[in-house]
Amino acid sequence: MPKIILFNKPYGVLSQFTDDSGRPTLADHIKRKGFYAAGRLDYDSEGLLLLTDDGALQHQISHPRQKLPKTYWVQVEGEISDEALAALRRGVLLKDGPTAPARAQRLDTPVLWSRVPPVRERKSIPTSWLELTISEGRNRQVRRMTAAVGFPTLRLIRIAIGNWRLGQLQPGEHRLEEVYGAPKADSARHRRRGRTRR
């Protein structure tokens, strides 16, 4: 039975098990053997990263053709405008081409763990949060999208991939689940059962 690890990747941890420069990696948090990351999450981003012990499942989760939706909570500089949200929903033009339409909505400031180091905010400029769901996986896509509509990203947390959700996992914690069936492009339907691991 394929197994999957849901891991809350802290800020400043690489989405890999080794690093020649000595930076923090998955090996500092995941001690289970035979698991590999299904996709990645940037060094300066936080939240849900999936790892699996099954090569076929890894491919199904991470391959761009599967178009699994990924949902992020994004803190941006400034009060996000209706025009900016509308542009994100239509899709925005980046240097590598237009993005697909995203789901975008304002978000009340979520109750979250403190980031280390903390986000550098300017007292004279407010910040706001939005929830953004995309089905693509370009390099630093969410950051580039919010910048393209005039609201630079300050903090980025992935909370869901398909139907897998971060839930109550704290930074550095992970949960092991067994996977029944394969994730689907539309809804990632699957049945699962899990237990918490730290």
C-alpha atoms as a PDB file:
ATOM      1  CA  MET A   1       0.000   0.000   0.000  1.00  0.00           C
ATOM      2  CA  PRO A   2       1.538   3.362  -0.978  1.00  0.00           C
ATOM      3  CA  LYS A   3       2.258   5.678   1.906  1.00  0.00           C
ATOM      4  CA  ILE A   4       2.495   9.423   1.972  1.00  0.00           C
ATOM      5  CA  ILE A   5       3.959  11.876   4.453  1.00  0.00           C
ATOM      6  CA  LEU A   6       2.336  15.265   4.942  1.00  0.00           C
ATOM      7  CA  PHE A   7       5.064  17.583   6.213  1.00  0.00           C
ATOM      8  CA  ASN A   8       4.834  21.180   7.380  1.00  0.00           C
ATOM      9  CA  LYS A   9       8.057  22.514   5.890  1.00  0.00           C
ATOM     10  CA  PRO A  10       9.482  25.357   7.949  1.00  0.00           C
ATOM     11  CA  TYR A  11      10.878  28.531   6.429  1.00  0.00           C
ATOM     12  CA  GLY A  12      14.537  28.081   5.464  1.00  0.00           C
ATOM     13  CA  VAL A  13      14.441  24.316   4.877  1.00  0.00           C
ATOM     14  CA  LEU A  14      15.275  22.834   1.478  1.00  0.00           C
ATOM     15  CA  SER A  15      12.839  20.402  -0.163  1.00  0.00           C
ATOM     16  CA  GLN A  16      15.594  17.779  -0.467  1.00  0.00           C
ATOM     17  CA  PHE A  17      17.561  15.474   1.827  1.00  0.00           C
ATOM     18  CA  THR A  18      21.113  16.697   1.176  1.00  0.00           C
ATOM     19  CA  ASP A  19      22.853  20.016   0.618  1.00  0.00           C
ATOM     20  CA  ASP A  20      26.519  20.631  -0.073  1.00  0.00           C
ATOM     21  CA  SER A  21      26.300  24.048   1.590  1.00  0.00           C
ATOM     22  CA  GLY A  22      25.090  22.680   4.908  1.00  0.00           C
ATOM     23  CA  ARG A  23      21.671  24.326   4.843  1.00  0.00           C
ATOM     24  CA  PRO A  24      18.749  22.686   6.696  1.00  0.00           C
ATOM     25  CA  THR A  25      17.118  19.876   4.691  1.00  0.00           C
ATOM     26  CA  LEU A  26      14.337  17.312   4.980  1.00  0.00           C
ATOM     27  CA  ALA A  27      16.827  14.974   6.654  1.00  0.00           C
ATOM     28  CA  ASP A  28      16.697  17.196   9.741  1.00  0.00           C
ATOM     29  CA  HIS A  29      12.990  16.400  10.147  1.00  0.00           C
ATOM     30  CA  ILE A  30      12.123  13.182   8.272  1.00  0.00           C
ATOM     31  CA  LYS A  31      13.915  10.089   9.561  1.00  0.00           C
ATOM     32  CA  ARG A  32      11.924   7.523   7.591  1.00  0.00           C
ATOM     33  CA  LYS A  33      13.833   5.774   4.828  1.00  0.00           C
ATOM     34  CA  GLY A  34      12.603   5.359   1.269  1.00  0.00           C
ATOM     35  CA  PHE A  35      10.470   8.511   1.058  1.00  0.00           C
ATOM     36  CA  TYR A  36      10.997  11.138  -1.622  1.00  0.00           C
ATOM     37  CA  ALA A  37       9.464  14.570  -2.112  1.00  0.00           C
ATOM     38  CA  ALA A  38       6.573  14.732  -4.584  1.00  0.00           C
ATOM     39  CA  GLY A  39       7.170  18.221  -5.898  1.00  0.00           C
ATOM     40  CA  ARG A  40       8.926  20.991  -4.052  1.00  0.00           C
ATOM     41  CA  LEU A  41       8.390  24.093  -1.957  1.00  0.00           C
ATOM     42  CA  ASP A  42      10.786  27.022  -2.129  1.00  0.00           C
ATOM     43  CA  TYR A  43      13.403  27.571   0.576  1.00  0.00           C
ATOM     44  CA  ASP A  44      11.669  30.778   1.696  1.00  0.00           C
ATOM     45  CA  SER A  45       8.137  29.315   1.620  1.00  0.00           C
ATOM     46  CA  GLU A  46       6.358  27.330   4.326  1.00  0.00           C
ATOM     47  CA  GLY A  47       3.675  24.714   4.634  1.00  0.00           C
ATOM     48  CA  LEU A  48       2.560  21.489   3.034  1.00  0.00           C
ATOM     49  CA  LEU A  49       5.109  19.292   1.293  1.00  0.00           C
ATOM     50  CA  LEU A  50       4.210  15.737   0.292  1.00  0.00           C
ATOM     51  CA  LEU A  51       6.633  12.811   0.335  1.00  0.00           C
ATOM     52  CA  THR A  52       5.877   9.266  -0.748  1.00  0.00           C
ATOM     53  CA  ASP A  53       7.525   5.845  -0.920  1.00  0.00           C
ATOM     54  CA  ASP A  54       5.797   5.052  -4.237  1.00  0.00           C
ATOM     55  CA  GLY A  55       7.344   6.205  -7.518  1.00  0.00           C
ATOM     56  CA  ALA A  56       4.115   6.115  -9.503  1.00  0.00           C
ATOM     57  CA  LEU A  57       2.302   8.182  -6.868  1.00  0.00           C
ATOM     58  CA  GLN A  58       5.194  10.631  -6.739  1.00  0.00           C
ATOM     59  CA  HIS A  59       4.848  11.135 -10.493  1.00  0.00           C
ATOM     60  CA  GLN A  60       1.050  11.517 -10.289  1.00  0.00           C
ATOM     61  CA  ILE A  61       1.324  14.200  -7.625  1.00  0.00           C
ATOM     62  CA  SER A  62       4.208  16.205  -9.051  1.00  0.00           C
ATOM     63  CA  HIS A  63       3.772  16.011 -12.826  1.00  0.00           C
ATOM     64  CA  PRO A  64       2.400  19.259 -14.294  1.00  0.00           C
ATOM     65  CA  ARG A  65      -0.050  17.367 -16.525  1.00  0.00           C
ATOM     66  CA  GLN A  66      -1.952  16.181 -13.447  1.00  0.00           C
ATOM     67  CA  LYS A  67      -2.826  19.798 -12.598  1.00  0.00           C
ATOM     68  CA  LEU A  68      -3.479  19.076  -8.934  1.00  0.00           C
ATOM     69  CA  PRO A  69      -4.754  22.290  -7.350  1.00  0.00           C
ATOM     70  CA  LYS A  70      -2.420  23.837  -4.784  1.00  0.00           C
ATOM     71  CA  THR A  71      -3.786  26.334  -2.279  1.00  0.00           C
ATOM     72  CA  TYR A  72      -1.717  29.014  -0.560  1.00  0.00           C
ATOM     73  CA  TRP A  73      -2.222  31.615   2.116  1.00  0.00           C
ATOM     74  CA  VAL A  74      -0.327  34.685   0.969  1.00  0.00           C
ATOM     75  CA  GLN A  75       0.585  37.786   2.961  1.00  0.00           C
ATOM     76  CA  VAL A  76       1.194  40.700   0.637  1.00  0.00           C
ATOM     77  CA  GLU A  77       2.382  44.250   1.022  1.00  0.00           C
ATOM     78  CA  GLY A  78      -0.557  46.640   0.824  1.00  0.00           C
ATOM     79  CA  GLU A  79      -4.325  46.172   0.992  1.00  0.00           C
ATOM     80  CA  ILE A  80      -5.128  43.799  -1.867  1.00  0.00           C
ATOM     81  CA  SER A  81      -7.556  45.470  -4.268  1.00  0.00           C
ATOM     82  CA  ASP A  82     -10.598  44.135  -6.098  1.00  0.00           C
ATOM     83  CA  GLU A  83      -8.804  44.853  -9.377  1.00  0.00           C
ATOM     84  CA  ALA A  84      -5.796  42.776  -8.359  1.00  0.00           C
ATOM     85  CA  LEU A  85      -7.996  39.852  -7.291  1.00  0.00           C
ATOM     86  CA  ALA A  86      -9.884  40.042 -10.583  1.00  0.00           C
ATOM     87  CA  ALA A  87      -6.604  39.986 -12.510  1.00  0.00           C
ATOM     88  CA  LEU A  88      -5.430  36.891 -10.626  1.00  0.00           C
ATOM     89  CA  ARG A  89      -8.741  35.188 -11.390  1.00  0.00           C
ATOM     90  CA  ARG A  90      -8.337  35.940 -15.096  1.00  0.00           C
ATOM     91  CA  GLY A  91      -4.673  34.948 -15.209  1.00  0.00           C
ATOM     92  CA  VAL A  92      -1.719  37.311 -15.382  1.00  0.00           C
ATOM     93  CA  LEU A  93       1.078  37.710 -17.889  1.00  0.00           C
ATOM     94  CA  LEU A  94       4.504  36.651 -16.619  1.00  0.00           C
ATOM     95  CA  LYS A  95       7.834  36.606 -18.433  1.00  0.00           C
ATOM     96  CA  ASP A  96       7.310  32.921 -19.288  1.00  0.00           C
ATOM     97  CA  GLY A  97       3.775  33.469 -20.556  1.00  0.00           C
ATOM     98  CA  PRO A  98       0.267  33.941 -19.184  1.00  0.00           C
ATOM     99  CA  THR A  99      -0.861  31.959 -16.170  1.00  0.00           C
ATOM    100  CA  ALA A 100      -4.037  29.933 -16.023  1.00  0.00           C
ATOM    101  CA  PRO A 101      -6.901  31.543 -14.107  1.00  0.00           C
ATOM    102  CA  ALA A 102      -6.524  31.198 -10.342  1.00  0.00           C
ATOM    103  CA  ARG A 103      -9.003  31.129  -7.498  1.00  0.00           C
ATOM    104  CA  ALA A 104      -8.297  34.209  -5.409  1.00  0.00           C
ATOM    105  CA  GLN A 105     -10.095  35.744  -2.444  1.00  0.00           C
ATOM    106  CA  ARG A 106      -9.349  37.943   0.530  1.00  0.00           C
ATOM    107  CA  LEU A 107      -8.520  36.168   3.743  1.00  0.00           C
ATOM    108  CA  ASP A 108      -8.870  37.372   7.319  1.00  0.00           C
ATOM    109  CA  THR A 109      -5.489  37.378   9.036  1.00  0.00           C
ATOM    110  CA  PRO A 110      -5.001  33.703   9.958  1.00  0.00           C
ATOM    111  CA  VAL A 111      -3.816  32.478  13.344  1.00  0.00           C
ATOM    112  CA  LEU A 112      -0.392  31.043  12.558  1.00  0.00           C
ATOM    113  CA  TRP A 113       2.898  30.056  14.111  1.00  0.00           C
ATOM    114  CA  SER A 114       5.559  32.742  14.275  1.00  0.00           C
ATOM    115  CA  ARG A 115       7.990  32.704  11.408  1.00  0.00           C
ATOM    116  CA  VAL A 116      11.710  32.644  12.153  1.00  0.00           C
ATOM    117  CA  PRO A 117      12.993  35.097  11.071  1.00  0.00           C
ATOM    118  CA  PRO A 118       9.873  37.277  11.228  1.00  0.00           C
ATOM    119  CA  VAL A 119       8.511  38.985   8.142  1.00  0.00           C
ATOM    120  CA  ARG A 120      10.022  42.434   7.662  1.00  0.00           C
ATOM    121  CA  GLU A 121       7.101  44.839   7.581  1.00  0.00           C
ATOM    122  CA  ARG A 122       7.086  48.620   7.193  1.00  0.00           C
ATOM    123  CA  LYS A 123       4.937  50.464   9.696  1.00  0.00           C
ATOM    124  CA  SER A 124       3.814  52.969   7.069  1.00  0.00           C
ATOM    125  CA  ILE A 125       2.524  50.268   4.691  1.00  0.00           C
ATOM    126  CA  PRO A 126      -0.291  47.878   5.675  1.00  0.00           C
ATOM    127  CA  THR A 127      -0.322  44.221   4.750  1.00  0.00           C
ATOM    128  CA  SER A 128      -3.160  41.880   3.833  1.00  0.00           C
ATOM    129  CA  TRP A 129      -3.796  38.196   3.211  1.00  0.00           C
ATOM    130  CA  LEU A 130      -5.356  36.291   0.361  1.00  0.00           C
ATOM    131  CA  GLU A 131      -6.072  32.665  -0.414  1.00  0.00           C
ATOM    132  CA  LEU A 132      -4.809  31.670  -3.844  1.00  0.00           C
ATOM    133  CA  THR A 133      -5.325  28.345  -5.623  1.00  0.00           C
ATOM    134  CA  ILE A 134      -3.373  27.500  -8.771  1.00  0.00           C
ATOM    135  CA  SER A 135      -3.058  24.342 -10.859  1.00  0.00           C
ATOM    136  CA  GLU A 136       0.345  25.063 -12.381  1.00  0.00           C
ATOM    137  CA  GLY A 137       3.802  24.642 -10.913  1.00  0.00           C
ATOM    138  CA  ARG A 138       6.096  27.264 -12.381  1.00  0.00           C
ATOM    139  CA  ASN A 139       9.138  28.465 -10.505  1.00  0.00           C
ATOM    140  CA  ARG A 140       8.124  30.919  -7.752  1.00  0.00           C
ATOM    141  CA  GLN A 141       4.803  31.348  -9.507  1.00  0.00           C
ATOM    142  CA  VAL A 142       2.692  32.718  -6.660  1.00  0.00           C
ATOM    143  CA  ARG A 143       5.281  35.355  -5.773  1.00  0.00           C
ATOM    144  CA  ARG A 144       5.549  36.421  -9.394  1.00  0.00           C
ATOM    145  CA  MET A 145       1.768  36.567  -9.785  1.00  0.00           C
ATOM    146  CA  THR A 146       1.175  38.828  -6.790  1.00  0.00           C
ATOM    147  CA  ALA A 147       4.064  41.067  -7.833  1.00  0.00           C
ATOM    148  CA  ALA A 148       2.614  41.302 -11.348  1.00  0.00           C
ATOM    149  CA  VAL A 149      -0.617  42.772  -9.950  1.00  0.00           C
ATOM    150  CA  GLY A 150       1.257  45.202  -7.691  1.00  0.00           C
ATOM    151  CA  PHE A 151       1.272  43.401  -4.336  1.00  0.00           C
ATOM    152  CA  PRO A 152       4.630  41.788  -3.452  1.00  0.00           C
ATOM    153  CA  THR A 153       4.484  38.616  -1.381  1.00  0.00           C
ATOM    154  CA  LEU A 154       5.845  38.863   2.157  1.00  0.00           C
ATOM    155  CA  ARG A 155       4.943  35.396   3.438  1.00  0.00           C
ATOM    156  CA  LEU A 156       3.804  32.286   1.564  1.00  0.00           C
ATOM    157  CA  ILE A 157       2.272  29.198   3.159  1.00  0.00           C
ATOM    158  CA  ARG A 158       0.923  26.229   1.198  1.00  0.00           C
ATOM    159  CA  ILE A 159      -2.063  24.744   2.989  1.00  0.00           C
ATOM    160  CA  ALA A 160      -3.343  22.136   0.507  1.00  0.00           C
ATOM    161  CA  ILE A 161      -2.394  19.975  -2.461  1.00  0.00           C
ATOM    162  CA  GLY A 162      -5.493  18.396  -3.965  1.00  0.00           C
ATOM    163  CA  ASN A 163      -7.443  17.029  -1.002  1.00  0.00           C
ATOM    164  CA  TRP A 164      -4.385  16.729   1.209  1.00  0.00           C
ATOM    165  CA  ARG A 165      -4.433  19.545   3.751  1.00  0.00           C
ATOM    166  CA  LEU A 166      -1.921  20.869   6.248  1.00  0.00           C
ATOM    167  CA  GLY A 167      -4.443  20.746   9.069  1.00  0.00           C
ATOM    168  CA  GLN A 168      -3.000  21.262  12.548  1.00  0.00           C
ATOM    169  CA  LEU A 169       0.577  20.271  11.717  1.00  0.00           C
ATOM    170  CA  GLN A 170       3.092  22.694  13.172  1.00  0.00           C
ATOM    171  CA  PRO A 171       6.398  23.571  11.467  1.00  0.00           C
ATOM    172  CA  GLY A 172       8.653  20.517  11.378  1.00  0.00           C
ATOM    173  CA  GLU A 173       5.833  18.075  12.155  1.00  0.00           C
ATOM    174  CA  HIS A 174       4.620  15.395   9.806  1.00  0.00           C
ATOM    175  CA  ARG A 175       1.819  12.874   9.484  1.00  0.00           C
ATOM    176  CA  LEU A 176       1.962   9.457   7.812  1.00  0.00           C
ATOM    177  CA  GLU A 177      -1.008   8.205   5.774  1.00  0.00           C
ATOM    178  CA  GLU A 178      -1.814   5.240   3.599  1.00  0.00           C
ATOM    179  CA  VAL A 179      -3.197   6.103   0.173  1.00  0.00           C
ATOM    180  CA  TYR A 180      -6.105   4.288  -1.455  1.00  0.00           C
ATOM    181  CA  GLY A 181      -6.488   5.051  -5.139  1.00  0.00           C
ATOM    182  CA  ALA A 182      -4.715   7.748  -7.123  1.00  0.00           C
ATOM    183  CA  PRO A 183      -5.100  11.525  -7.004  1.00  0.00           C
ATOM    184  CA  LYS A 184      -7.255  12.920  -9.793  1.00  0.00           C
ATOM    185  CA  ALA A 185      -6.627  16.148 -11.663  1.00  0.00           C
ATOM    186  CA  ASP A 186     -10.049  17.518 -10.729  1.00  0.00           C
ATOM    187  CA  SER A 187     -10.447  16.715  -7.068  1.00  0.00           C
ATOM    188  CA  ALA A 188      -7.598  14.419  -6.001  1.00  0.00           C
ATOM    189  CA  ARG A 189     -10.213  12.004  -4.684  1.00  0.00           C
ATOM    190  CA  HIS A 190      -8.717   9.441  -2.407  1.00  0.00           C
ATOM    191  CA  ARG A 191      -9.438   7.680   0.836  1.00  0.00           C
ATOM    192  CA  ARG A 192      -6.867   7.719   3.549  1.00  0.00           C
ATOM    193  CA  ARG A 193      -6.186   7.107   7.169  1.00  0.00           C
ATOM    194  CA  GLY A 194      -3.320   8.527   9.142  1.00  0.00           C
ATOM    195  CA  ARG A 195      -1.539   9.081  12.376  1.00  0.00           C
ATOM    196  CA  THR A 196       0.549  11.963  13.594  1.00  0.00           C
ATOM    197  CA  ARG A 197       4.317  11.776  13.691  1.00  0.00           C
ATOM    198  CA  ARG A 198       6.722  14.373  15.016  1.00  0.00           C
END
